[in-house]
Amino acid sequence: MKAYVFPGQGAQFVGMGKDLYDNNPLAKELFEKANKVLGFRITDLMFEGTDDDLKQTKVTQPAIFLHSVILAKTLGEEFQPDMVAGHSLGEFSALTAAGALSFEDGLSLVYKRALAMQKACEASPSTMAAVLGLPDEKVEEVCLSITGEVVVPANYNCPGQIVISGTNEGIDAACEKLLAAGAKRALKLKVGGAFHSPLMEPARAELAEAIKNTTIKAPICPIYQNVNAKAESNPDMIKTNLVAQLTAPVRWTQSVENMLTAGADHFIELGPGAVLQGLVKKVNKEILTEGRS
C-alpha cells in the first residue's frame, strides 16, 4: 500500500520547483495561479531568491506547499494514495493533494497560517531545539521539570529524536538538563519561534476562524493527522484537528507506526528534500521509500 508524505518547514532550497515550472505546462499554470492568489510573485523568490528570502515563514510555508502539491497534481493518474500524511505545514499539502481542500483554499490557508505564526513569533521571542538519543518519556519528564517557563515536546520525529519548543530561557534550561540526563545532542534550531507550543495560541485563534470558513471535503483516502496520529476522513474532525495542530505536538513517529500497521509498505515523499524518508527509515529501516522533488 502506498503512503504519500509531505514535508514541512525547513526543507526549502533556492531553485525549488523551477524544473517543474520550466518543463510542465500544468505546473507552470498552477504556479502562476499561486502568484495571483498570493498577490506577489512567490515563484521569483523560490527560483532566484536568497536563502534569507526563503527562510521567512511567510515565504517558506507557501513555497513548500506549492512545490509538494504541484508535484502531486502533475503525477495525474499515477497519484493513487492509499493514505497520506504531512509533517506540520505538510498536513495542508497532504489534504490539498488528496482533494479535501481546493488548490486556492489550501494555499490561502497556508499563507494565513504563515502570517499568523510569524506574528506570534514576533510577539513572544522563543525557539526550538532538537534532542537526540533519549527516550520520549525522559524528554517529556525534563520539559515538565522546567518551572516558570514554557517548554514542551513539539515534534516526535522518530525514535530517539524529539524537537522541543518554548521560551528562550526555558529551552536553554531544558537543553542543559537533557545533556546531563544523557542526550547525545540538545541543539537549538535556527527557527523564528516556538512552533507547536502554547506560545502559538494567538496564531491558533486566528487560523481557527479561517479554517471554520473554509470548505473541507472528504479526502480520496485517509489522512493521518499530526495531533493524534490517527486515520481521518471526516471533514469536521479534519477541521478540528487542523485547528489544534498549531499548539499541539506533531506525532510523526506515531503516524508512521500507525500507517505501517494499516499496511503501508511504500512511502513516497513529495516536495523538497528527503527528511521524511529518513525519518520513516528510522521507524522501520526495511521499508521502501522514495522521493519526488
C-alpha atoms as a PDB file:
ATOM      1  CA  MET A   1       0.000   0.000   0.000  1.00  0.00           C
ATOM      2  CA  LYS A   2       1.275   3.453  -0.916  1.00  0.00           C
ATOM      3  CA  ALA A   3       1.594   6.224   1.656  1.00  0.00           C
ATOM      4  CA  TYR A   4       2.363   9.674   0.262  1.00  0.00           C
ATOM      5  CA  VAL A   5       4.032  12.023   2.755  1.00  0.00           C
ATOM      6  CA  PHE A   6       4.577  15.783   2.557  1.00  0.00           C
ATOM      7  CA  PRO A   7       7.415  17.747   4.217  1.00  0.00           C
ATOM      8  CA  GLY A   8       7.204  20.760   6.495  1.00  0.00           C
ATOM      9  CA  GLN A   9       9.204  23.903   7.131  1.00  0.00           C
ATOM     10  CA  GLY A  10      12.976  23.507   6.838  1.00  0.00           C
ATOM     11  CA  ALA A  11      13.000  21.513   3.587  1.00  0.00           C
ATOM     12  CA  GLN A  12      13.161  24.606   1.331  1.00  0.00           C
ATOM     13  CA  PHE A  13      16.041  25.419  -1.019  1.00  0.00           C
ATOM     14  CA  VAL A  14      16.671  28.117  -3.623  1.00  0.00           C
ATOM     15  CA  GLY A  15      15.599  26.840  -7.054  1.00  0.00           C
ATOM     16  CA  MET A  16      12.880  24.558  -5.673  1.00  0.00           C
ATOM     17  CA  GLY A  17      10.167  23.870  -8.229  1.00  0.00           C
ATOM     18  CA  LYS A  18      11.978  25.547 -11.143  1.00  0.00           C
ATOM     19  CA  ASP A  19      12.338  22.348 -13.197  1.00  0.00           C
ATOM     20  CA  LEU A  20       8.618  21.711 -12.757  1.00  0.00           C
ATOM     21  CA  TYR A  21       7.764  25.250 -13.848  1.00  0.00           C
ATOM     22  CA  ASP A  22      10.050  25.103 -16.886  1.00  0.00           C
ATOM     23  CA  ASN A  23       9.113  21.633 -18.099  1.00  0.00           C
ATOM     24  CA  ASN A  24       5.475  21.015 -17.199  1.00  0.00           C
ATOM     25  CA  PRO A  25       2.665  23.232 -18.580  1.00  0.00           C
ATOM     26  CA  LEU A  26       0.235  22.275 -15.774  1.00  0.00           C
ATOM     27  CA  ALA A  27       2.856  23.127 -13.157  1.00  0.00           C
ATOM     28  CA  LYS A  28       3.522  26.499 -14.791  1.00  0.00           C
ATOM     29  CA  GLU A  29      -0.203  27.256 -14.848  1.00  0.00           C
ATOM     30  CA  LEU A  30      -0.583  26.380 -11.154  1.00  0.00           C
ATOM     31  CA  PHE A  31       2.481  28.380 -10.103  1.00  0.00           C
ATOM     32  CA  GLU A  32       1.132  31.426 -11.969  1.00  0.00           C
ATOM     33  CA  LYS A  33      -2.267  30.929 -10.358  1.00  0.00           C
ATOM     34  CA  ALA A  34      -0.488  30.898  -6.974  1.00  0.00           C
ATOM     35  CA  ASN A  35       1.245  34.198  -7.763  1.00  0.00           C
ATOM     36  CA  LYS A  36      -2.192  35.744  -8.349  1.00  0.00           C
ATOM     37  CA  VAL A  37      -3.759  34.218  -5.204  1.00  0.00           C
ATOM     38  CA  LEU A  38      -0.881  35.463  -3.018  1.00  0.00           C
ATOM     39  CA  GLY A  39      -0.605  38.878  -4.678  1.00  0.00           C
ATOM     40  CA  PHE A  40       3.151  38.624  -5.179  1.00  0.00           C
ATOM     41  CA  ARG A  41       5.465  36.509  -7.342  1.00  0.00           C
ATOM     42  CA  ILE A  42       6.477  33.789  -4.930  1.00  0.00           C
ATOM     43  CA  THR A  43       7.999  31.952  -7.905  1.00  0.00           C
ATOM     44  CA  ASP A  44      10.700  34.657  -8.160  1.00  0.00           C
ATOM     45  CA  LEU A  45      11.676  34.036  -4.526  1.00  0.00           C
ATOM     46  CA  MET A  46      11.558  30.248  -4.926  1.00  0.00           C
ATOM     47  CA  PHE A  47      13.567  30.112  -8.133  1.00  0.00           C
ATOM     48  CA  GLU A  48      16.004  33.028  -7.771  1.00  0.00           C
ATOM     49  CA  GLY A  49      15.688  34.428  -4.251  1.00  0.00           C
ATOM     50  CA  THR A  50      18.221  34.192  -1.434  1.00  0.00           C
ATOM     51  CA  ASP A  51      18.323  31.730   1.451  1.00  0.00           C
ATOM     52  CA  ASP A  52      17.208  34.582   3.704  1.00  0.00           C
ATOM     53  CA  ASP A  53      14.184  35.268   1.452  1.00  0.00           C
ATOM     54  CA  LEU A  54      13.135  31.638   1.690  1.00  0.00           C
ATOM     55  CA  LYS A  55      13.676  31.435   5.468  1.00  0.00           C
ATOM     56  CA  GLN A  56      10.882  33.927   6.135  1.00  0.00           C
ATOM     57  CA  THR A  57       7.945  31.903   7.458  1.00  0.00           C
ATOM     58  CA  LYS A  58       5.526  33.842   5.239  1.00  0.00           C
ATOM     59  CA  VAL A  59       7.522  32.673   2.179  1.00  0.00           C
ATOM     60  CA  THR A  60       8.733  29.254   3.343  1.00  0.00           C
ATOM     61  CA  GLN A  61       5.348  27.775   4.099  1.00  0.00           C
ATOM     62  CA  PRO A  62       3.535  28.635   0.847  1.00  0.00           C
ATOM     63  CA  ALA A  63       6.692  27.752  -1.140  1.00  0.00           C
ATOM     64  CA  ILE A  64       6.918  24.221   0.286  1.00  0.00           C
ATOM     65  CA  PHE A  65       3.148  23.772  -0.015  1.00  0.00           C
ATOM     66  CA  LEU A  66       3.265  24.755  -3.701  1.00  0.00           C
ATOM     67  CA  HIS A  67       6.216  22.512  -4.523  1.00  0.00           C
ATOM     68  CA  SER A  68       4.557  19.497  -2.870  1.00  0.00           C
ATOM     69  CA  VAL A  69       1.008  19.994  -4.142  1.00  0.00           C
ATOM     70  CA  ILE A  70       2.026  20.840  -7.707  1.00  0.00           C
ATOM     71  CA  LEU A  71       4.208  17.712  -7.784  1.00  0.00           C
ATOM     72  CA  ALA A  72       1.149  15.671  -6.791  1.00  0.00           C
ATOM     73  CA  LYS A  73      -1.034  17.373  -9.406  1.00  0.00           C
ATOM     74  CA  THR A  74       1.495  16.710 -12.190  1.00  0.00           C
ATOM     75  CA  LEU A  75       1.503  12.975 -11.365  1.00  0.00           C
ATOM     76  CA  GLY A  76      -2.080  12.794 -12.665  1.00  0.00           C
ATOM     77  CA  GLU A  77      -3.448   9.223 -12.655  1.00  0.00           C
ATOM     78  CA  GLU A  78      -0.211   7.972 -11.089  1.00  0.00           C
ATOM     79  CA  PHE A  79      -1.191   9.684  -7.818  1.00  0.00           C
ATOM     80  CA  GLN A  80      -3.244   6.920  -6.205  1.00  0.00           C
ATOM     81  CA  PRO A  81      -2.540   7.098  -2.473  1.00  0.00           C
ATOM     82  CA  ASP A  82      -3.895   4.543  -0.019  1.00  0.00           C
ATOM     83  CA  MET A  83      -3.131   7.023   2.756  1.00  0.00           C
ATOM     84  CA  VAL A  84      -1.424  10.403   3.186  1.00  0.00           C
ATOM     85  CA  ALA A  85       0.251  12.396   5.943  1.00  0.00           C
ATOM     86  CA  GLY A  86       2.181  15.631   6.218  1.00  0.00           C
ATOM     87  CA  HIS A  87       4.628  16.972   8.790  1.00  0.00           C
ATOM     88  CA  SER A  88       3.205  20.173  10.330  1.00  0.00           C
ATOM     89  CA  LEU A  89       2.723  22.503   7.323  1.00  0.00           C
ATOM     90  CA  GLY A  90       2.812  19.338   5.170  1.00  0.00           C
ATOM     91  CA  GLU A  91      -0.577  18.336   6.557  1.00  0.00           C
ATOM     92  CA  PHE A  92      -2.139  21.129   4.464  1.00  0.00           C
ATOM     93  CA  SER A  93      -0.243  19.866   1.401  1.00  0.00           C
ATOM     94  CA  ALA A  94      -1.495  16.327   2.066  1.00  0.00           C
ATOM     95  CA  LEU A  95      -5.105  17.481   2.413  1.00  0.00           C
ATOM     96  CA  THR A  96      -4.931  19.510  -0.795  1.00  0.00           C
ATOM     97  CA  ALA A  97      -3.235  16.723  -2.778  1.00  0.00           C
ATOM     98  CA  ALA A  98      -5.888  14.301  -1.508  1.00  0.00           C
ATOM     99  CA  GLY A  99      -8.749  16.553  -2.619  1.00  0.00           C
ATOM    100  CA  ALA A 100     -10.027  17.685   0.796  1.00  0.00           C
ATOM    101  CA  LEU A 101      -9.041  21.289   0.055  1.00  0.00           C
ATOM    102  CA  SER A 102      -9.103  23.111  -3.269  1.00  0.00           C
ATOM    103  CA  PHE A 103      -5.748  24.396  -4.527  1.00  0.00           C
ATOM    104  CA  GLU A 104      -6.749  28.023  -3.900  1.00  0.00           C
ATOM    105  CA  ASP A 105      -8.213  27.367  -0.431  1.00  0.00           C
ATOM    106  CA  GLY A 106      -5.229  25.271   0.624  1.00  0.00           C
ATOM    107  CA  LEU A 107      -2.790  27.987  -0.462  1.00  0.00           C
ATOM    108  CA  SER A 108      -4.827  30.757   1.189  1.00  0.00           C
ATOM    109  CA  LEU A 109      -4.970  28.850   4.484  1.00  0.00           C
ATOM    110  CA  VAL A 110      -1.227  28.145   4.409  1.00  0.00           C
ATOM    111  CA  TYR A 111      -0.458  31.817   3.778  1.00  0.00           C
ATOM    112  CA  LYS A 112      -2.783  32.928   6.603  1.00  0.00           C
ATOM    113  CA  ARG A 113      -1.164  30.323   8.867  1.00  0.00           C
ATOM    114  CA  ALA A 114       2.317  31.563   7.976  1.00  0.00           C
ATOM    115  CA  LEU A 115       1.442  35.221   8.638  1.00  0.00           C
ATOM    116  CA  ALA A 116      -0.279  34.360  11.935  1.00  0.00           C
ATOM    117  CA  MET A 117       2.686  32.268  13.079  1.00  0.00           C
ATOM    118  CA  GLN A 118       5.172  34.982  12.137  1.00  0.00           C
ATOM    119  CA  LYS A 119       3.138  37.492  14.161  1.00  0.00           C
ATOM    120  CA  ALA A 120       3.030  35.141  17.169  1.00  0.00           C
ATOM    121  CA  CYS A 121       6.806  34.611  16.933  1.00  0.00           C
ATOM    122  CA  GLU A 122       7.425  38.358  16.951  1.00  0.00           C
ATOM    123  CA  ALA A 123       5.145  38.808  19.986  1.00  0.00           C
ATOM    124  CA  SER A 124       6.915  36.124  22.074  1.00  0.00           C
ATOM    125  CA  PRO A 125      10.651  35.637  21.472  1.00  0.00           C
ATOM    126  CA  SER A 126      11.070  31.875  21.581  1.00  0.00           C
ATOM    127  CA  THR A 127      12.819  28.971  19.909  1.00  0.00           C
ATOM    128  CA  MET A 128      13.102  25.203  19.429  1.00  0.00           C
ATOM    129  CA  ALA A 129      15.811  22.578  19.983  1.00  0.00           C
ATOM    130  CA  ALA A 130      16.449  19.094  18.605  1.00  0.00           C
ATOM    131  CA  VAL A 131      17.115  16.421  21.224  1.00  0.00           C
ATOM    132  CA  LEU A 132      18.854  13.206  20.164  1.00  0.00           C
ATOM    133  CA  GLY A 133      19.424   9.940  21.972  1.00  0.00           C
ATOM    134  CA  LEU A 134      16.878   9.968  24.795  1.00  0.00           C
ATOM    135  CA  PRO A 135      13.567   8.081  25.188  1.00  0.00           C
ATOM    136  CA  ASP A 136      10.451  10.198  24.643  1.00  0.00           C
ATOM    137  CA  GLU A 137       9.435   9.750  28.287  1.00  0.00           C
ATOM    138  CA  LYS A 138      12.696  11.238  29.586  1.00  0.00           C
ATOM    139  CA  VAL A 139      12.374  14.304  27.335  1.00  0.00           C
ATOM    140  CA  GLU A 140       8.760  14.785  28.495  1.00  0.00           C
ATOM    141  CA  GLU A 141       9.875  14.485  32.131  1.00  0.00           C
ATOM    142  CA  VAL A 142      12.595  17.132  31.713  1.00  0.00           C
ATOM    143  CA  CYS A 143      10.187  19.518  29.945  1.00  0.00           C
ATOM    144  CA  LEU A 144       7.755  19.193  32.875  1.00  0.00           C
ATOM    145  CA  SER A 145      10.563  19.880  35.365  1.00  0.00           C
ATOM    146  CA  ILE A 146      11.274  23.376  33.981  1.00  0.00           C
ATOM    147  CA  THR A 147       9.215  25.764  36.094  1.00  0.00           C
ATOM    148  CA  GLY A 148       8.220  29.321  35.271  1.00  0.00           C
ATOM    149  CA  GLU A 149       8.881  28.890  31.531  1.00  0.00           C
ATOM    150  CA  VAL A 150       7.095  27.267  28.575  1.00  0.00           C
ATOM    151  CA  VAL A 151       8.911  24.120  27.380  1.00  0.00           C
ATOM    152  CA  VAL A 152       7.062  21.300  25.602  1.00  0.00           C
ATOM    153  CA  PRO A 153       7.742  18.437  23.161  1.00  0.00           C
ATOM    154  CA  ALA A 154       6.865  19.814  19.717  1.00  0.00           C
ATOM    155  CA  ASN A 155       7.832  17.145  17.157  1.00  0.00           C
ATOM    156  CA  TYR A 156       8.058  13.410  17.824  1.00  0.00           C
ATOM    157  CA  ASN A 157      10.117  12.854  14.668  1.00  0.00           C
ATOM    158  CA  CYS A 158      11.416   9.297  15.074  1.00  0.00           C
ATOM    159  CA  PRO A 159      12.619   7.054  17.896  1.00  0.00           C
ATOM    160  CA  GLY A 160      15.388   8.923  19.712  1.00  0.00           C
ATOM    161  CA  GLN A 161      14.678  12.289  18.070  1.00  0.00           C
ATOM    162  CA  ILE A 162      12.341  14.872  19.564  1.00  0.00           C
ATOM    163  CA  VAL A 163      12.190  18.617  18.961  1.00  0.00           C
ATOM    164  CA  ILE A 164      11.226  20.727  21.975  1.00  0.00           C
ATOM    165  CA  SER A 165       9.680  24.180  21.821  1.00  0.00           C
ATOM    166  CA  GLY A 166       9.387  27.093  24.240  1.00  0.00           C
ATOM    167  CA  THR A 167      10.733  30.369  25.608  1.00  0.00           C
ATOM    168  CA  ASN A 168      14.428  31.098  25.041  1.00  0.00           C
ATOM    169  CA  GLU A 169      15.228  30.736  28.758  1.00  0.00           C
ATOM    170  CA  GLY A 170      13.147  27.572  29.052  1.00  0.00           C
ATOM    171  CA  ILE A 171      14.856  25.906  26.098  1.00  0.00           C
ATOM    172  CA  ASP A 172      18.327  26.825  27.456  1.00  0.00           C
ATOM    173  CA  ALA A 173      17.473  25.304  30.843  1.00  0.00           C
ATOM    174  CA  ALA A 174      15.956  22.187  29.272  1.00  0.00           C
ATOM    175  CA  CYS A 175      18.959  21.623  26.969  1.00  0.00           C
ATOM    176  CA  GLU A 176      21.314  21.767  29.966  1.00  0.00           C
ATOM    177  CA  LYS A 177      19.213  19.213  31.864  1.00  0.00           C
ATOM    178  CA  LEU A 178      18.785  16.950  28.828  1.00  0.00           C
ATOM    179  CA  LEU A 179      22.529  16.798  28.187  1.00  0.00           C
ATOM    180  CA  ALA A 180      23.070  15.997  31.865  1.00  0.00           C
ATOM    181  CA  ALA A 181      20.481  13.213  31.510  1.00  0.00           C
ATOM    182  CA  GLY A 182      22.491  11.622  28.691  1.00  0.00           C
ATOM    183  CA  ALA A 183      21.213  13.194  25.481  1.00  0.00           C
ATOM    184  CA  LYS A 184      23.705  12.816  22.609  1.00  0.00           C
ATOM    185  CA  ARG A 185      22.777  16.302  21.454  1.00  0.00           C
ATOM    186  CA  ALA A 186      20.444  19.099  22.504  1.00  0.00           C
ATOM    187  CA  LEU A 187      20.850  21.647  19.747  1.00  0.00           C
ATOM    188  CA  LYS A 188      18.957  24.910  19.350  1.00  0.00           C
ATOM    189  CA  LEU A 189      17.443  25.320  15.876  1.00  0.00           C
ATOM    190  CA  LYS A 190      17.518  28.381  13.631  1.00  0.00           C
ATOM    191  CA  VAL A 191      13.769  28.965  13.653  1.00  0.00           C
ATOM    192  CA  GLY A 192      11.617  32.038  14.148  1.00  0.00           C
ATOM    193  CA  GLY A 193       9.811  30.833  17.259  1.00  0.00           C
ATOM    194  CA  ALA A 194       8.234  28.108  19.365  1.00  0.00           C
ATOM    195  CA  PHE A 195       6.079  26.264  16.827  1.00  0.00           C
ATOM    196  CA  HIS A 196       3.657  23.636  18.158  1.00  0.00           C
ATOM    197  CA  SER A 197       3.642  25.083  21.666  1.00  0.00           C
ATOM    198  CA  PRO A 198       1.203  27.150  23.784  1.00  0.00           C
ATOM    199  CA  LEU A 199       3.086  30.255  22.577  1.00  0.00           C
ATOM    200  CA  MET A 200       1.346  29.774  19.211  1.00  0.00           C
ATOM    201  CA  GLU A 201      -2.091  30.320  20.795  1.00  0.00           C
ATOM    202  CA  PRO A 202      -2.640  33.746  19.122  1.00  0.00           C
ATOM    203  CA  ALA A 203      -1.936  32.136  15.728  1.00  0.00           C
ATOM    204  CA  ARG A 204      -4.221  29.181  16.529  1.00  0.00           C
ATOM    205  CA  ALA A 205      -7.110  31.510  17.391  1.00  0.00           C
ATOM    206  CA  GLU A 206      -6.580  33.487  14.174  1.00  0.00           C
ATOM    207  CA  LEU A 207      -6.342  30.389  11.996  1.00  0.00           C
ATOM    208  CA  ALA A 208      -9.371  28.748  13.647  1.00  0.00           C
ATOM    209  CA  GLU A 209     -11.674  31.353  12.111  1.00  0.00           C
ATOM    210  CA  ALA A 210     -10.174  30.901   8.639  1.00  0.00           C
ATOM    211  CA  ILE A 211     -10.441  27.086   8.845  1.00  0.00           C
ATOM    212  CA  LYS A 212     -14.045  27.311  10.070  1.00  0.00           C
ATOM    213  CA  ASN A 213     -14.963  29.361   6.992  1.00  0.00           C
ATOM    214  CA  THR A 214     -13.174  27.065   4.513  1.00  0.00           C
ATOM    215  CA  THR A 215     -14.834  24.157   2.727  1.00  0.00           C
ATOM    216  CA  ILE A 216     -13.149  20.847   3.522  1.00  0.00           C
ATOM    217  CA  LYS A 217     -14.395  17.714   1.763  1.00  0.00           C
ATOM    218  CA  ALA A 218     -13.724  14.056   2.489  1.00  0.00           C
ATOM    219  CA  PRO A 219     -10.255  13.221   1.085  1.00  0.00           C
ATOM    220  CA  ILE A 220      -9.781  10.458  -1.510  1.00  0.00           C
ATOM    221  CA  CYS A 221      -8.018   8.387   1.177  1.00  0.00           C
ATOM    222  CA  PRO A 222      -7.484   8.602   4.947  1.00  0.00           C
ATOM    223  CA  ILE A 223      -5.096  11.250   6.267  1.00  0.00           C
ATOM    224  CA  TYR A 224      -3.042  10.547   9.381  1.00  0.00           C
ATOM    225  CA  GLN A 225      -3.193  13.855  11.226  1.00  0.00           C
ATOM    226  CA  ASN A 226      -0.432  15.301  13.403  1.00  0.00           C
ATOM    227  CA  VAL A 227      -2.379  15.829  16.613  1.00  0.00           C
ATOM    228  CA  ASN A 228      -3.423  12.221  17.211  1.00  0.00           C
ATOM    229  CA  ALA A 229      -1.622  10.171  14.503  1.00  0.00           C
ATOM    230  CA  LYS A 230      -4.937   8.527  13.588  1.00  0.00           C
ATOM    231  CA  ALA A 231      -6.500   7.970  10.164  1.00  0.00           C
ATOM    232  CA  GLU A 232      -9.214  10.525   9.467  1.00  0.00           C
ATOM    233  CA  SER A 233     -11.644  11.099   6.601  1.00  0.00           C
ATOM    234  CA  ASN A 234     -14.438  13.056   8.299  1.00  0.00           C
ATOM    235  CA  PRO A 235     -14.282  16.756   7.234  1.00  0.00           C
ATOM    236  CA  ASP A 236     -15.483  18.063  10.626  1.00  0.00           C
ATOM    237  CA  MET A 237     -12.836  16.084  12.508  1.00  0.00           C
ATOM    238  CA  ILE A 238     -10.189  17.125   9.990  1.00  0.00           C
ATOM    239  CA  LYS A 239     -11.049  20.780  10.714  1.00  0.00           C
ATOM    240  CA  THR A 240     -10.925  20.254  14.484  1.00  0.00           C
ATOM    241  CA  ASN A 241      -7.534  18.565  14.261  1.00  0.00           C
ATOM    242  CA  LEU A 242      -6.138  21.241  11.927  1.00  0.00           C
ATOM    243  CA  VAL A 243      -7.066  23.983  14.392  1.00  0.00           C
ATOM    244  CA  ALA A 244      -5.475  22.071  17.297  1.00  0.00           C
ATOM    245  CA  GLN A 245      -2.303  21.415  15.309  1.00  0.00           C
ATOM    246  CA  LEU A 246      -0.604  24.785  15.896  1.00  0.00           C
ATOM    247  CA  THR A 247      -0.332  24.410  19.673  1.00  0.00           C
ATOM    248  CA  ALA A 248      -0.067  20.592  19.844  1.00  0.00           C
ATOM    249  CA  PRO A 249       2.931  18.347  19.118  1.00  0.00           C
ATOM    250  CA  VAL A 250       3.460  16.728  15.720  1.00  0.00           C
ATOM    251  CA  ARG A 251       3.176  12.979  16.383  1.00  0.00           C
ATOM    252  CA  TRP A 252       5.148  11.880  13.333  1.00  0.00           C
ATOM    253  CA  THR A 253       6.692   8.724  14.819  1.00  0.00           C
ATOM    254  CA  GLN A 254       3.245   7.516  15.861  1.00  0.00           C
ATOM    255  CA  SER A 255       1.742   8.443  12.468  1.00  0.00           C
ATOM    256  CA  VAL A 256       4.338   6.368  10.607  1.00  0.00           C
ATOM    257  CA  GLU A 257       3.870   3.453  13.013  1.00  0.00           C
ATOM    258  CA  ASN A 258       0.100   3.578  12.510  1.00  0.00           C
ATOM    259  CA  MET A 259       0.445   3.750   8.712  1.00  0.00           C
ATOM    260  CA  LEU A 260       2.734   0.709   8.812  1.00  0.00           C
ATOM    261  CA  THR A 261       0.189  -1.134  10.963  1.00  0.00           C
ATOM    262  CA  ALA A 262      -2.513  -0.217   8.419  1.00  0.00           C
ATOM    263  CA  GLY A 263      -0.471  -1.893   5.664  1.00  0.00           C
ATOM    264  CA  ALA A 264       1.747   0.846   4.200  1.00  0.00           C
ATOM    265  CA  ASP A 265       4.779  -0.753   2.549  1.00  0.00           C
ATOM    266  CA  HIS A 266       5.897   2.059   0.211  1.00  0.00           C
ATOM    267  CA  PHE A 267       6.385   5.666   1.359  1.00  0.00           C
ATOM    268  CA  ILE A 268       6.704   8.385  -1.306  1.00  0.00           C
ATOM    269  CA  GLU A 269       7.772  11.877  -0.251  1.00  0.00           C
ATOM    270  CA  LEU A 270       6.506  14.707  -2.450  1.00  0.00           C
ATOM    271  CA  GLY A 271       8.303  18.020  -2.095  1.00  0.00           C
ATOM    272  CA  PRO A 272      11.727  19.480  -1.412  1.00  0.00           C
ATOM    273  CA  GLY A 273      14.355  17.451   0.427  1.00  0.00           C
ATOM    274  CA  ALA A 274      14.329  13.911   1.766  1.00  0.00           C
ATOM    275  CA  VAL A 275      13.864  14.459   5.515  1.00  0.00           C
ATOM    276  CA  LEU A 276      10.710  12.382   5.847  1.00  0.00           C
ATOM    277  CA  GLN A 277      12.209   9.423   4.007  1.00  0.00           C
ATOM    278  CA  GLY A 278      14.994   9.415   6.591  1.00  0.00           C
ATOM    279  CA  LEU A 279      12.521   9.589   9.493  1.00  0.00           C
ATOM    280  CA  VAL A 280      10.453   6.720   8.062  1.00  0.00           C
ATOM    281  CA  LYS A 281      13.620   4.598   7.793  1.00  0.00           C
ATOM    282  CA  LYS A 282      14.383   5.330  11.467  1.00  0.00           C
ATOM    283  CA  VAL A 283      10.995   3.825  12.366  1.00  0.00           C
ATOM    284  CA  ASN A 284      11.448   0.818  10.050  1.00  0.00           C
ATOM    285  CA  LYS A 285      14.718   0.523   8.110  1.00  0.00           C
ATOM    286  CA  GLU A 286      13.337  -2.227   5.855  1.00  0.00           C
ATOM    287  CA  ILE A 287      10.516  -0.150   4.390  1.00  0.00           C
ATOM    288  CA  LEU A 288      10.632   1.077   0.791  1.00  0.00           C
ATOM    289  CA  THR A 289      10.943   4.857   0.459  1.00  0.00           C
ATOM    290  CA  GLU A 290      11.392   7.212  -2.482  1.00  0.00           C
ATOM    291  CA  GLY A 291      11.101  10.913  -3.172  1.00  0.00           C
ATOM    292  CA  ARG A 292       9.931  13.252  -5.931  1.00  0.00           C
ATOM    293  CA  SER A 293      11.242  16.787  -5.959  1.00  0.00           C
END
